[in-house]
PDBML (XML) file of the C-alpha atoms, coordinates in Angstrom:
<?xml version="1.0" encoding="UTF-8" ?>
<PDBx:datablock datablockName="MODEL"
   xmlns:PDBx="http://pdbml.pdb.org/schema/pdbx-v50.xsd"
   xmlns:xsi="http://www.w3.org/2001/XMLSchema-instance"
   xsi:schemaLocation="http://pdbml.pdb.org/schema/pdbx-v50.xsd pdbx-v50.xsd">
   <PDBx:atom_siteCategory>
      <PDBx:atom_site id="1">
         <PDBx:B_iso_or_equiv>0.00</PDBx:B_iso_or_equiv>
         <PDBx:Cartn_x>-64.657</PDBx:Cartn_x>
         <PDBx:Cartn_y>2.529</PDBx:Cartn_y>
         <PDBx:Cartn_z>-121.558</PDBx:Cartn_z>
         <PDBx:auth_asym_id>A</PDBx:auth_asym_id>
         <PDBx:auth_atom_id>CA</PDBx:auth_atom_id>
         <PDBx:auth_comp_id>PRO</PDBx:auth_comp_id>
         <PDBx:auth_seq_id>1</PDBx:auth_seq_id>
         <PDBx:group_PDB>ATOM</PDBx:group_PDB>
         <PDBx:label_alt_id xsi:nil="true" />
         <PDBx:label_asym_id>A</PDBx:label_asym_id>
         <PDBx:label_atom_id>CA</PDBx:label_atom_id>
         <PDBx:label_comp_id>PRO</PDBx:label_comp_id>
         <PDBx:label_entity_id>1</PDBx:label_entity_id>
         <PDBx:label_seq_id>1</PDBx:label_seq_id>
         <PDBx:occupancy>1.00</PDBx:occupancy>
         <PDBx:pdbx_PDB_model_num>1</PDBx:pdbx_PDB_model_num>
         <PDBx:type_symbol>C</PDBx:type_symbol>
      </PDBx:atom_site>
      <PDBx:atom_site id="2">
         <PDBx:B_iso_or_equiv>0.00</PDBx:B_iso_or_equiv>
         <PDBx:Cartn_x>-62.458</PDBx:Cartn_x>
         <PDBx:Cartn_y>4.490</PDBx:Cartn_y>
         <PDBx:Cartn_z>-119.337</PDBx:Cartn_z>
         <PDBx:auth_asym_id>A</PDBx:auth_asym_id>
         <PDBx:auth_atom_id>CA</PDBx:auth_atom_id>
         <PDBx:auth_comp_id>PHE</PDBx:auth_comp_id>
         <PDBx:auth_seq_id>2</PDBx:auth_seq_id>
         <PDBx:group_PDB>ATOM</PDBx:group_PDB>
         <PDBx:label_alt_id xsi:nil="true" />
         <PDBx:label_asym_id>A</PDBx:label_asym_id>
         <PDBx:label_atom_id>CA</PDBx:label_atom_id>
         <PDBx:label_comp_id>PHE</PDBx:label_comp_id>
         <PDBx:label_entity_id>1</PDBx:label_entity_id>
         <PDBx:label_seq_id>2</PDBx:label_seq_id>
         <PDBx:occupancy>1.00</PDBx:occupancy>
         <PDBx:pdbx_PDB_model_num>1</PDBx:pdbx_PDB_model_num>
         <PDBx:type_symbol>C</PDBx:type_symbol>
      </PDBx:atom_site>
      <PDBx:atom_site id="3">
         <PDBx:B_iso_or_equiv>0.00</PDBx:B_iso_or_equiv>
         <PDBx:Cartn_x>-58.826</PDBx:Cartn_x>
         <PDBx:Cartn_y>5.206</PDBx:Cartn_y>
         <PDBx:Cartn_z>-119.477</PDBx:Cartn_z>
         <PDBx:auth_asym_id>A</PDBx:auth_asym_id>
         <PDBx:auth_atom_id>CA</PDBx:auth_atom_id>
         <PDBx:auth_comp_id>ILE</PDBx:auth_comp_id>
         <PDBx:auth_seq_id>3</PDBx:auth_seq_id>
         <PDBx:group_PDB>ATOM</PDBx:group_PDB>
         <PDBx:label_alt_id xsi:nil="true" />
         <PDBx:label_asym_id>A</PDBx:label_asym_id>
         <PDBx:label_atom_id>CA</PDBx:label_atom_id>
         <PDBx:label_comp_id>ILE</PDBx:label_comp_id>
         <PDBx:label_entity_id>1</PDBx:label_entity_id>
         <PDBx:label_seq_id>3</PDBx:label_seq_id>
         <PDBx:occupancy>1.00</PDBx:occupancy>
         <PDBx:pdbx_PDB_model_num>1</PDBx:pdbx_PDB_model_num>
         <PDBx:type_symbol>C</PDBx:type_symbol>
      </PDBx:atom_site>
      <PDBx:atom_site id="4">
         <PDBx:B_iso_or_equiv>0.00</PDBx:B_iso_or_equiv>
         <PDBx:Cartn_x>-58.488</PDBx:Cartn_x>
         <PDBx:Cartn_y>4.733</PDBx:Cartn_y>
         <PDBx:Cartn_z>-115.774</PDBx:Cartn_z>
         <PDBx:auth_asym_id>A</PDBx:auth_asym_id>
         <PDBx:auth_atom_id>CA</PDBx:auth_atom_id>
         <PDBx:auth_comp_id>ILE</PDBx:auth_comp_id>
         <PDBx:auth_seq_id>4</PDBx:auth_seq_id>
         <PDBx:group_PDB>ATOM</PDBx:group_PDB>
         <PDBx:label_alt_id xsi:nil="true" />
         <PDBx:label_asym_id>A</PDBx:label_asym_id>
         <PDBx:label_atom_id>CA</PDBx:label_atom_id>
         <PDBx:label_comp_id>ILE</PDBx:label_comp_id>
         <PDBx:label_entity_id>1</PDBx:label_entity_id>
         <PDBx:label_seq_id>4</PDBx:label_seq_id>
         <PDBx:occupancy>1.00</PDBx:occupancy>
         <PDBx:pdbx_PDB_model_num>1</PDBx:pdbx_PDB_model_num>
         <PDBx:type_symbol>C</PDBx:type_symbol>
      </PDBx:atom_site>
      <PDBx:atom_site id="5">
         <PDBx:B_iso_or_equiv>0.00</PDBx:B_iso_or_equiv>
         <PDBx:Cartn_x>-59.015</PDBx:Cartn_x>
         <PDBx:Cartn_y>0.900</PDBx:Cartn_y>
         <PDBx:Cartn_z>-116.327</PDBx:Cartn_z>
         <PDBx:auth_asym_id>A</PDBx:auth_asym_id>
         <PDBx:auth_atom_id>CA</PDBx:auth_atom_id>
         <PDBx:auth_comp_id>THR</PDBx:auth_comp_id>
         <PDBx:auth_seq_id>5</PDBx:auth_seq_id>
         <PDBx:group_PDB>ATOM</PDBx:group_PDB>
         <PDBx:label_alt_id xsi:nil="true" />
         <PDBx:label_asym_id>A</PDBx:label_asym_id>
         <PDBx:label_atom_id>CA</PDBx:label_atom_id>
         <PDBx:label_comp_id>THR</PDBx:label_comp_id>
         <PDBx:label_entity_id>1</PDBx:label_entity_id>
         <PDBx:label_seq_id>5</PDBx:label_seq_id>
         <PDBx:occupancy>1.00</PDBx:occupancy>
         <PDBx:pdbx_PDB_model_num>1</PDBx:pdbx_PDB_model_num>
         <PDBx:type_symbol>C</PDBx:type_symbol>
      </PDBx:atom_site>
      <PDBx:atom_site id="6">
         <PDBx:B_iso_or_equiv>0.00</PDBx:B_iso_or_equiv>
         <PDBx:Cartn_x>-55.457</PDBx:Cartn_x>
         <PDBx:Cartn_y>0.501</PDBx:Cartn_y>
         <PDBx:Cartn_z>-117.902</PDBx:Cartn_z>
         <PDBx:auth_asym_id>A</PDBx:auth_asym_id>
         <PDBx:auth_atom_id>CA</PDBx:auth_atom_id>
         <PDBx:auth_comp_id>ASN</PDBx:auth_comp_id>
         <PDBx:auth_seq_id>6</PDBx:auth_seq_id>
         <PDBx:group_PDB>ATOM</PDBx:group_PDB>
         <PDBx:label_alt_id xsi:nil="true" />
         <PDBx:label_asym_id>A</PDBx:label_asym_id>
         <PDBx:label_atom_id>CA</PDBx:label_atom_id>
         <PDBx:label_comp_id>ASN</PDBx:label_comp_id>
         <PDBx:label_entity_id>1</PDBx:label_entity_id>
         <PDBx:label_seq_id>6</PDBx:label_seq_id>
         <PDBx:occupancy>1.00</PDBx:occupancy>
         <PDBx:pdbx_PDB_model_num>1</PDBx:pdbx_PDB_model_num>
         <PDBx:type_symbol>C</PDBx:type_symbol>
      </PDBx:atom_site>
      <PDBx:atom_site id="7">
         <PDBx:B_iso_or_equiv>0.00</PDBx:B_iso_or_equiv>
         <PDBx:Cartn_x>-53.973</PDBx:Cartn_x>
         <PDBx:Cartn_y>2.811</PDBx:Cartn_y>
         <PDBx:Cartn_z>-115.204</PDBx:Cartn_z>
         <PDBx:auth_asym_id>A</PDBx:auth_asym_id>
         <PDBx:auth_atom_id>CA</PDBx:auth_atom_id>
         <PDBx:auth_comp_id>ARG</PDBx:auth_comp_id>
         <PDBx:auth_seq_id>7</PDBx:auth_seq_id>
         <PDBx:group_PDB>ATOM</PDBx:group_PDB>
         <PDBx:label_alt_id xsi:nil="true" />
         <PDBx:label_asym_id>A</PDBx:label_asym_id>
         <PDBx:label_atom_id>CA</PDBx:label_atom_id>
         <PDBx:label_comp_id>ARG</PDBx:label_comp_id>
         <PDBx:label_entity_id>1</PDBx:label_entity_id>
         <PDBx:label_seq_id>7</PDBx:label_seq_id>
         <PDBx:occupancy>1.00</PDBx:occupancy>
         <PDBx:pdbx_PDB_model_num>1</PDBx:pdbx_PDB_model_num>
         <PDBx:type_symbol>C</PDBx:type_symbol>
      </PDBx:atom_site>
      <PDBx:atom_site id="8">
         <PDBx:B_iso_or_equiv>0.00</PDBx:B_iso_or_equiv>
         <PDBx:Cartn_x>-54.291</PDBx:Cartn_x>
         <PDBx:Cartn_y>0.239</PDBx:Cartn_y>
         <PDBx:Cartn_z>-112.411</PDBx:Cartn_z>
         <PDBx:auth_asym_id>A</PDBx:auth_asym_id>
         <PDBx:auth_atom_id>CA</PDBx:auth_atom_id>
         <PDBx:auth_comp_id>LEU</PDBx:auth_comp_id>
         <PDBx:auth_seq_id>8</PDBx:auth_seq_id>
         <PDBx:group_PDB>ATOM</PDBx:group_PDB>
         <PDBx:label_alt_id xsi:nil="true" />
         <PDBx:label_asym_id>A</PDBx:label_asym_id>
         <PDBx:label_atom_id>CA</PDBx:label_atom_id>
         <PDBx:label_comp_id>LEU</PDBx:label_comp_id>
         <PDBx:label_entity_id>1</PDBx:label_entity_id>
         <PDBx:label_seq_id>8</PDBx:label_seq_id>
         <PDBx:occupancy>1.00</PDBx:occupancy>
         <PDBx:pdbx_PDB_model_num>1</PDBx:pdbx_PDB_model_num>
         <PDBx:type_symbol>C</PDBx:type_symbol>
      </PDBx:atom_site>
      <PDBx:atom_site id="9">
         <PDBx:B_iso_or_equiv>0.00</PDBx:B_iso_or_equiv>
         <PDBx:Cartn_x>-51.909</PDBx:Cartn_x>
         <PDBx:Cartn_y>-2.523</PDBx:Cartn_y>
         <PDBx:Cartn_z>-113.849</PDBx:Cartn_z>
         <PDBx:auth_asym_id>A</PDBx:auth_asym_id>
         <PDBx:auth_atom_id>CA</PDBx:auth_atom_id>
         <PDBx:auth_comp_id>SER</PDBx:auth_comp_id>
         <PDBx:auth_seq_id>9</PDBx:auth_seq_id>
         <PDBx:group_PDB>ATOM</PDBx:group_PDB>
         <PDBx:label_alt_id xsi:nil="true" />
         <PDBx:label_asym_id>A</PDBx:label_asym_id>
         <PDBx:label_atom_id>CA</PDBx:label_atom_id>
         <PDBx:label_comp_id>SER</PDBx:label_comp_id>
         <PDBx:label_entity_id>1</PDBx:label_entity_id>
         <PDBx:label_seq_id>9</PDBx:label_seq_id>
         <PDBx:occupancy>1.00</PDBx:occupancy>
         <PDBx:pdbx_PDB_model_num>1</PDBx:pdbx_PDB_model_num>
         <PDBx:type_symbol>C</PDBx:type_symbol>
      </PDBx:atom_site>
      <PDBx:atom_site id="10">
         <PDBx:B_iso_or_equiv>0.00</PDBx:B_iso_or_equiv>
         <PDBx:Cartn_x>-49.525</PDBx:Cartn_x>
         <PDBx:Cartn_y>-4.565</PDBx:Cartn_y>
         <PDBx:Cartn_z>-111.577</PDBx:Cartn_z>
         <PDBx:auth_asym_id>A</PDBx:auth_asym_id>
         <PDBx:auth_atom_id>CA</PDBx:auth_atom_id>
         <PDBx:auth_comp_id>CYS</PDBx:auth_comp_id>
         <PDBx:auth_seq_id>10</PDBx:auth_seq_id>
         <PDBx:group_PDB>ATOM</PDBx:group_PDB>
         <PDBx:label_alt_id xsi:nil="true" />
         <PDBx:label_asym_id>A</PDBx:label_asym_id>
         <PDBx:label_atom_id>CA</PDBx:label_atom_id>
         <PDBx:label_comp_id>CYS</PDBx:label_comp_id>
         <PDBx:label_entity_id>1</PDBx:label_entity_id>
         <PDBx:label_seq_id>10</PDBx:label_seq_id>
         <PDBx:occupancy>1.00</PDBx:occupancy>
         <PDBx:pdbx_PDB_model_num>1</PDBx:pdbx_PDB_model_num>
         <PDBx:type_symbol>C</PDBx:type_symbol>
      </PDBx:atom_site>
      <PDBx:atom_site id="11">
         <PDBx:B_iso_or_equiv>0.00</PDBx:B_iso_or_equiv>
         <PDBx:Cartn_x>-46.418</PDBx:Cartn_x>
         <PDBx:Cartn_y>-6.740</PDBx:Cartn_y>
         <PDBx:Cartn_z>-112.082</PDBx:Cartn_z>
         <PDBx:auth_asym_id>A</PDBx:auth_asym_id>
         <PDBx:auth_atom_id>CA</PDBx:auth_atom_id>
         <PDBx:auth_comp_id>ILE</PDBx:auth_comp_id>
         <PDBx:auth_seq_id>11</PDBx:auth_seq_id>
         <PDBx:group_PDB>ATOM</PDBx:group_PDB>
         <PDBx:label_alt_id xsi:nil="true" />
         <PDBx:label_asym_id>A</PDBx:label_asym_id>
         <PDBx:label_atom_id>CA</PDBx:label_atom_id>
         <PDBx:label_comp_id>ILE</PDBx:label_comp_id>
         <PDBx:label_entity_id>1</PDBx:label_entity_id>
         <PDBx:label_seq_id>11</PDBx:label_seq_id>
         <PDBx:occupancy>1.00</PDBx:occupancy>
         <PDBx:pdbx_PDB_model_num>1</PDBx:pdbx_PDB_model_num>
         <PDBx:type_symbol>C</PDBx:type_symbol>
      </PDBx:atom_site>
      <PDBx:atom_site id="12">
         <PDBx:B_iso_or_equiv>0.00</PDBx:B_iso_or_equiv>
         <PDBx:Cartn_x>-44.851</PDBx:Cartn_x>
         <PDBx:Cartn_y>-9.685</PDBx:Cartn_y>
         <PDBx:Cartn_z>-110.477</PDBx:Cartn_z>
         <PDBx:auth_asym_id>A</PDBx:auth_asym_id>
         <PDBx:auth_atom_id>CA</PDBx:auth_atom_id>
         <PDBx:auth_comp_id>CYS</PDBx:auth_comp_id>
         <PDBx:auth_seq_id>12</PDBx:auth_seq_id>
         <PDBx:group_PDB>ATOM</PDBx:group_PDB>
         <PDBx:label_alt_id xsi:nil="true" />
         <PDBx:label_asym_id>A</PDBx:label_asym_id>
         <PDBx:label_atom_id>CA</PDBx:label_atom_id>
         <PDBx:label_comp_id>CYS</PDBx:label_comp_id>
         <PDBx:label_entity_id>1</PDBx:label_entity_id>
         <PDBx:label_seq_id>12</PDBx:label_seq_id>
         <PDBx:occupancy>1.00</PDBx:occupancy>
         <PDBx:pdbx_PDB_model_num>1</PDBx:pdbx_PDB_model_num>
         <PDBx:type_symbol>C</PDBx:type_symbol>
      </PDBx:atom_site>
      <PDBx:atom_site id="13">
         <PDBx:B_iso_or_equiv>0.00</PDBx:B_iso_or_equiv>
         <PDBx:Cartn_x>-42.002</PDBx:Cartn_x>
         <PDBx:Cartn_y>-12.071</PDBx:Cartn_y>
         <PDBx:Cartn_z>-111.241</PDBx:Cartn_z>
         <PDBx:auth_asym_id>A</PDBx:auth_asym_id>
         <PDBx:auth_atom_id>CA</PDBx:auth_atom_id>
         <PDBx:auth_comp_id>TRP</PDBx:auth_comp_id>
         <PDBx:auth_seq_id>13</PDBx:auth_seq_id>
         <PDBx:group_PDB>ATOM</PDBx:group_PDB>
         <PDBx:label_alt_id xsi:nil="true" />
         <PDBx:label_asym_id>A</PDBx:label_asym_id>
         <PDBx:label_atom_id>CA</PDBx:label_atom_id>
         <PDBx:label_comp_id>TRP</PDBx:label_comp_id>
         <PDBx:label_entity_id>1</PDBx:label_entity_id>
         <PDBx:label_seq_id>13</PDBx:label_seq_id>
         <PDBx:occupancy>1.00</PDBx:occupancy>
         <PDBx:pdbx_PDB_model_num>1</PDBx:pdbx_PDB_model_num>
         <PDBx:type_symbol>C</PDBx:type_symbol>
      </PDBx:atom_site>
      <PDBx:atom_site id="14">
         <PDBx:B_iso_or_equiv>0.00</PDBx:B_iso_or_equiv>
         <PDBx:Cartn_x>-41.515</PDBx:Cartn_x>
         <PDBx:Cartn_y>-15.794</PDBx:Cartn_y>
         <PDBx:Cartn_z>-110.755</PDBx:Cartn_z>
         <PDBx:auth_asym_id>A</PDBx:auth_asym_id>
         <PDBx:auth_atom_id>CA</PDBx:auth_atom_id>
         <PDBx:auth_comp_id>SER</PDBx:auth_comp_id>
         <PDBx:auth_seq_id>14</PDBx:auth_seq_id>
         <PDBx:group_PDB>ATOM</PDBx:group_PDB>
         <PDBx:label_alt_id xsi:nil="true" />
         <PDBx:label_asym_id>A</PDBx:label_asym_id>
         <PDBx:label_atom_id>CA</PDBx:label_atom_id>
         <PDBx:label_comp_id>SER</PDBx:label_comp_id>
         <PDBx:label_entity_id>1</PDBx:label_entity_id>
         <PDBx:label_seq_id>14</PDBx:label_seq_id>
         <PDBx:occupancy>1.00</PDBx:occupancy>
         <PDBx:pdbx_PDB_model_num>1</PDBx:pdbx_PDB_model_num>
         <PDBx:type_symbol>C</PDBx:type_symbol>
      </PDBx:atom_site>
      <PDBx:atom_site id="15">
         <PDBx:B_iso_or_equiv>0.00</PDBx:B_iso_or_equiv>
         <PDBx:Cartn_x>-38.930</PDBx:Cartn_x>
         <PDBx:Cartn_y>-16.611</PDBx:Cartn_y>
         <PDBx:Cartn_z>-108.356</PDBx:Cartn_z>
         <PDBx:auth_asym_id>A</PDBx:auth_asym_id>
         <PDBx:auth_atom_id>CA</PDBx:auth_atom_id>
         <PDBx:auth_comp_id>HIS</PDBx:auth_comp_id>
         <PDBx:auth_seq_id>15</PDBx:auth_seq_id>
         <PDBx:group_PDB>ATOM</PDBx:group_PDB>
         <PDBx:label_alt_id xsi:nil="true" />
         <PDBx:label_asym_id>A</PDBx:label_asym_id>
         <PDBx:label_atom_id>CA</PDBx:label_atom_id>
         <PDBx:label_comp_id>HIS</PDBx:label_comp_id>
         <PDBx:label_entity_id>1</PDBx:label_entity_id>
         <PDBx:label_seq_id>15</PDBx:label_seq_id>
         <PDBx:occupancy>1.00</PDBx:occupancy>
         <PDBx:pdbx_PDB_model_num>1</PDBx:pdbx_PDB_model_num>
         <PDBx:type_symbol>C</PDBx:type_symbol>
      </PDBx:atom_site>
      <PDBx:atom_site id="16">
         <PDBx:B_iso_or_equiv>0.00</PDBx:B_iso_or_equiv>
         <PDBx:Cartn_x>-36.635</PDBx:Cartn_x>
         <PDBx:Cartn_y>-18.199</PDBx:Cartn_y>
         <PDBx:Cartn_z>-111.011</PDBx:Cartn_z>
         <PDBx:auth_asym_id>A</PDBx:auth_asym_id>
         <PDBx:auth_atom_id>CA</PDBx:auth_atom_id>
         <PDBx:auth_comp_id>ASP</PDBx:auth_comp_id>
         <PDBx:auth_seq_id>16</PDBx:auth_seq_id>
         <PDBx:group_PDB>ATOM</PDBx:group_PDB>
         <PDBx:label_alt_id xsi:nil="true" />
         <PDBx:label_asym_id>A</PDBx:label_asym_id>
         <PDBx:label_atom_id>CA</PDBx:label_atom_id>
         <PDBx:label_comp_id>ASP</PDBx:label_comp_id>
         <PDBx:label_entity_id>1</PDBx:label_entity_id>
         <PDBx:label_seq_id>16</PDBx:label_seq_id>
         <PDBx:occupancy>1.00</PDBx:occupancy>
         <PDBx:pdbx_PDB_model_num>1</PDBx:pdbx_PDB_model_num>
         <PDBx:type_symbol>C</PDBx:type_symbol>
      </PDBx:atom_site>
      <PDBx:atom_site id="17">
         <PDBx:B_iso_or_equiv>0.00</PDBx:B_iso_or_equiv>
         <PDBx:Cartn_x>-37.141</PDBx:Cartn_x>
         <PDBx:Cartn_y>-14.973</PDBx:Cartn_y>
         <PDBx:Cartn_z>-113.133</PDBx:Cartn_z>
         <PDBx:auth_asym_id>A</PDBx:auth_asym_id>
         <PDBx:auth_atom_id>CA</PDBx:auth_atom_id>
         <PDBx:auth_comp_id>ASP</PDBx:auth_comp_id>
         <PDBx:auth_seq_id>17</PDBx:auth_seq_id>
         <PDBx:group_PDB>ATOM</PDBx:group_PDB>
         <PDBx:label_alt_id xsi:nil="true" />
         <PDBx:label_asym_id>A</PDBx:label_asym_id>
         <PDBx:label_atom_id>CA</PDBx:label_atom_id>
         <PDBx:label_comp_id>ASP</PDBx:label_comp_id>
         <PDBx:label_entity_id>1</PDBx:label_entity_id>
         <PDBx:label_seq_id>17</PDBx:label_seq_id>
         <PDBx:occupancy>1.00</PDBx:occupancy>
         <PDBx:pdbx_PDB_model_num>1</PDBx:pdbx_PDB_model_num>
         <PDBx:type_symbol>C</PDBx:type_symbol>
      </PDBx:atom_site>
      <PDBx:atom_site id="18">
         <PDBx:B_iso_or_equiv>0.00</PDBx:B_iso_or_equiv>
         <PDBx:Cartn_x>-38.459</PDBx:Cartn_x>
         <PDBx:Cartn_y>-16.901</PDBx:Cartn_y>
         <PDBx:Cartn_z>-116.022</PDBx:Cartn_z>
         <PDBx:auth_asym_id>A</PDBx:auth_asym_id>
         <PDBx:auth_atom_id>CA</PDBx:auth_atom_id>
         <PDBx:auth_comp_id>GLN</PDBx:auth_comp_id>
         <PDBx:auth_seq_id>18</PDBx:auth_seq_id>
         <PDBx:group_PDB>ATOM</PDBx:group_PDB>
         <PDBx:label_alt_id xsi:nil="true" />
         <PDBx:label_asym_id>A</PDBx:label_asym_id>
         <PDBx:label_atom_id>CA</PDBx:label_atom_id>
         <PDBx:label_comp_id>GLN</PDBx:label_comp_id>
         <PDBx:label_entity_id>1</PDBx:label_entity_id>
         <PDBx:label_seq_id>18</PDBx:label_seq_id>
         <PDBx:occupancy>1.00</PDBx:occupancy>
         <PDBx:pdbx_PDB_model_num>1</PDBx:pdbx_PDB_model_num>
         <PDBx:type_symbol>C</PDBx:type_symbol>
      </PDBx:atom_site>
      <PDBx:atom_site id="19">
         <PDBx:B_iso_or_equiv>0.00</PDBx:B_iso_or_equiv>
         <PDBx:Cartn_x>-42.143</PDBx:Cartn_x>
         <PDBx:Cartn_y>-15.806</PDBx:Cartn_y>
         <PDBx:Cartn_z>-115.970</PDBx:Cartn_z>
         <PDBx:auth_asym_id>A</PDBx:auth_asym_id>
         <PDBx:auth_atom_id>CA</PDBx:auth_atom_id>
         <PDBx:auth_comp_id>LEU</PDBx:auth_comp_id>
         <PDBx:auth_seq_id>19</PDBx:auth_seq_id>
         <PDBx:group_PDB>ATOM</PDBx:group_PDB>
         <PDBx:label_alt_id xsi:nil="true" />
         <PDBx:label_asym_id>A</PDBx:label_asym_id>
         <PDBx:label_atom_id>CA</PDBx:label_atom_id>
         <PDBx:label_comp_id>LEU</PDBx:label_comp_id>
         <PDBx:label_entity_id>1</PDBx:label_entity_id>
         <PDBx:label_seq_id>19</PDBx:label_seq_id>
         <PDBx:occupancy>1.00</PDBx:occupancy>
         <PDBx:pdbx_PDB_model_num>1</PDBx:pdbx_PDB_model_num>
         <PDBx:type_symbol>C</PDBx:type_symbol>
      </PDBx:atom_site>
      <PDBx:atom_site id="20">
         <PDBx:B_iso_or_equiv>0.00</PDBx:B_iso_or_equiv>
         <PDBx:Cartn_x>-43.700</PDBx:Cartn_x>
         <PDBx:Cartn_y>-12.358</PDBx:Cartn_y>
         <PDBx:Cartn_z>-115.704</PDBx:Cartn_z>
         <PDBx:auth_asym_id>A</PDBx:auth_asym_id>
         <PDBx:auth_atom_id>CA</PDBx:auth_atom_id>
         <PDBx:auth_comp_id>ILE</PDBx:auth_comp_id>
         <PDBx:auth_seq_id>20</PDBx:auth_seq_id>
         <PDBx:group_PDB>ATOM</PDBx:group_PDB>
         <PDBx:label_alt_id xsi:nil="true" />
         <PDBx:label_asym_id>A</PDBx:label_asym_id>
         <PDBx:label_atom_id>CA</PDBx:label_atom_id>
         <PDBx:label_comp_id>ILE</PDBx:label_comp_id>
         <PDBx:label_entity_id>1</PDBx:label_entity_id>
         <PDBx:label_seq_id>20</PDBx:label_seq_id>
         <PDBx:occupancy>1.00</PDBx:occupancy>
         <PDBx:pdbx_PDB_model_num>1</PDBx:pdbx_PDB_model_num>
         <PDBx:type_symbol>C</PDBx:type_symbol>
      </PDBx:atom_site>
      <PDBx:atom_site id="21">
         <PDBx:B_iso_or_equiv>0.00</PDBx:B_iso_or_equiv>
         <PDBx:Cartn_x>-47.384</PDBx:Cartn_x>
         <PDBx:Cartn_y>-12.024</PDBx:Cartn_y>
         <PDBx:Cartn_z>-114.461</PDBx:Cartn_z>
         <PDBx:auth_asym_id>A</PDBx:auth_asym_id>
         <PDBx:auth_atom_id>CA</PDBx:auth_atom_id>
         <PDBx:auth_comp_id>ALA</PDBx:auth_comp_id>
         <PDBx:auth_seq_id>21</PDBx:auth_seq_id>
         <PDBx:group_PDB>ATOM</PDBx:group_PDB>
         <PDBx:label_alt_id xsi:nil="true" />
         <PDBx:label_asym_id>A</PDBx:label_asym_id>
         <PDBx:label_atom_id>CA</PDBx:label_atom_id>
         <PDBx:label_comp_id>ALA</PDBx:label_comp_id>
         <PDBx:label_entity_id>1</PDBx:label_entity_id>
         <PDBx:label_seq_id>21</PDBx:label_seq_id>
         <PDBx:occupancy>1.00</PDBx:occupancy>
         <PDBx:pdbx_PDB_model_num>1</PDBx:pdbx_PDB_model_num>
         <PDBx:type_symbol>C</PDBx:type_symbol>
      </PDBx:atom_site>
      <PDBx:atom_site id="22">
         <PDBx:B_iso_or_equiv>0.00</PDBx:B_iso_or_equiv>
         <PDBx:Cartn_x>-49.112</PDBx:Cartn_x>
         <PDBx:Cartn_y>-8.787</PDBx:Cartn_y>
         <PDBx:Cartn_z>-115.475</PDBx:Cartn_z>
         <PDBx:auth_asym_id>A</PDBx:auth_asym_id>
         <PDBx:auth_atom_id>CA</PDBx:auth_atom_id>
         <PDBx:auth_comp_id>VAL</PDBx:auth_comp_id>
         <PDBx:auth_seq_id>22</PDBx:auth_seq_id>
         <PDBx:group_PDB>ATOM</PDBx:group_PDB>
         <PDBx:label_alt_id xsi:nil="true" />
         <PDBx:label_asym_id>A</PDBx:label_asym_id>
         <PDBx:label_atom_id>CA</PDBx:label_atom_id>
         <PDBx:label_comp_id>VAL</PDBx:label_comp_id>
         <PDBx:label_entity_id>1</PDBx:label_entity_id>
         <PDBx:label_seq_id>22</PDBx:label_seq_id>
         <PDBx:occupancy>1.00</PDBx:occupancy>
         <PDBx:pdbx_PDB_model_num>1</PDBx:pdbx_PDB_model_num>
         <PDBx:type_symbol>C</PDBx:type_symbol>
      </PDBx:atom_site>
      <PDBx:atom_site id="23">
         <PDBx:B_iso_or_equiv>0.00</PDBx:B_iso_or_equiv>
         <PDBx:Cartn_x>-52.481</PDBx:Cartn_x>
         <PDBx:Cartn_y>-7.808</PDBx:Cartn_y>
         <PDBx:Cartn_z>-114.297</PDBx:Cartn_z>
         <PDBx:auth_asym_id>A</PDBx:auth_asym_id>
         <PDBx:auth_atom_id>CA</PDBx:auth_atom_id>
         <PDBx:auth_comp_id>GLY</PDBx:auth_comp_id>
         <PDBx:auth_seq_id>23</PDBx:auth_seq_id>
         <PDBx:group_PDB>ATOM</PDBx:group_PDB>
         <PDBx:label_alt_id xsi:nil="true" />
         <PDBx:label_asym_id>A</PDBx:label_asym_id>
         <PDBx:label_atom_id>CA</PDBx:label_atom_id>
         <PDBx:label_comp_id>GLY</PDBx:label_comp_id>
         <PDBx:label_entity_id>1</PDBx:label_entity_id>
         <PDBx:label_seq_id>23</PDBx:label_seq_id>
         <PDBx:occupancy>1.00</PDBx:occupancy>
         <PDBx:pdbx_PDB_model_num>1</PDBx:pdbx_PDB_model_num>
         <PDBx:type_symbol>C</PDBx:type_symbol>
      </PDBx:atom_site>
      <PDBx:atom_site id="24">
         <PDBx:B_iso_or_equiv>0.00</PDBx:B_iso_or_equiv>
         <PDBx:Cartn_x>-54.110</PDBx:Cartn_x>
         <PDBx:Cartn_y>-5.281</PDBx:Cartn_y>
         <PDBx:Cartn_z>-116.511</PDBx:Cartn_z>
         <PDBx:auth_asym_id>A</PDBx:auth_asym_id>
         <PDBx:auth_atom_id>CA</PDBx:auth_atom_id>
         <PDBx:auth_comp_id>SER</PDBx:auth_comp_id>
         <PDBx:auth_seq_id>24</PDBx:auth_seq_id>
         <PDBx:group_PDB>ATOM</PDBx:group_PDB>
         <PDBx:label_alt_id xsi:nil="true" />
         <PDBx:label_asym_id>A</PDBx:label_asym_id>
         <PDBx:label_atom_id>CA</PDBx:label_atom_id>
         <PDBx:label_comp_id>SER</PDBx:label_comp_id>
         <PDBx:label_entity_id>1</PDBx:label_entity_id>
         <PDBx:label_seq_id>24</PDBx:label_seq_id>
         <PDBx:occupancy>1.00</PDBx:occupancy>
         <PDBx:pdbx_PDB_model_num>1</PDBx:pdbx_PDB_model_num>
         <PDBx:type_symbol>C</PDBx:type_symbol>
      </PDBx:atom_site>
   </PDBx:atom_siteCategory>
</PDBx:datablock>
C-alpha cells in the first residue's frame, strides 16, 4: 500500500559468502 514499505530493505551475507539474506 505504501512505497515506503519497500524502501526499508536490508542485506547481510553469510560468513562463507555463499548465501545472501535480504529483508524487504
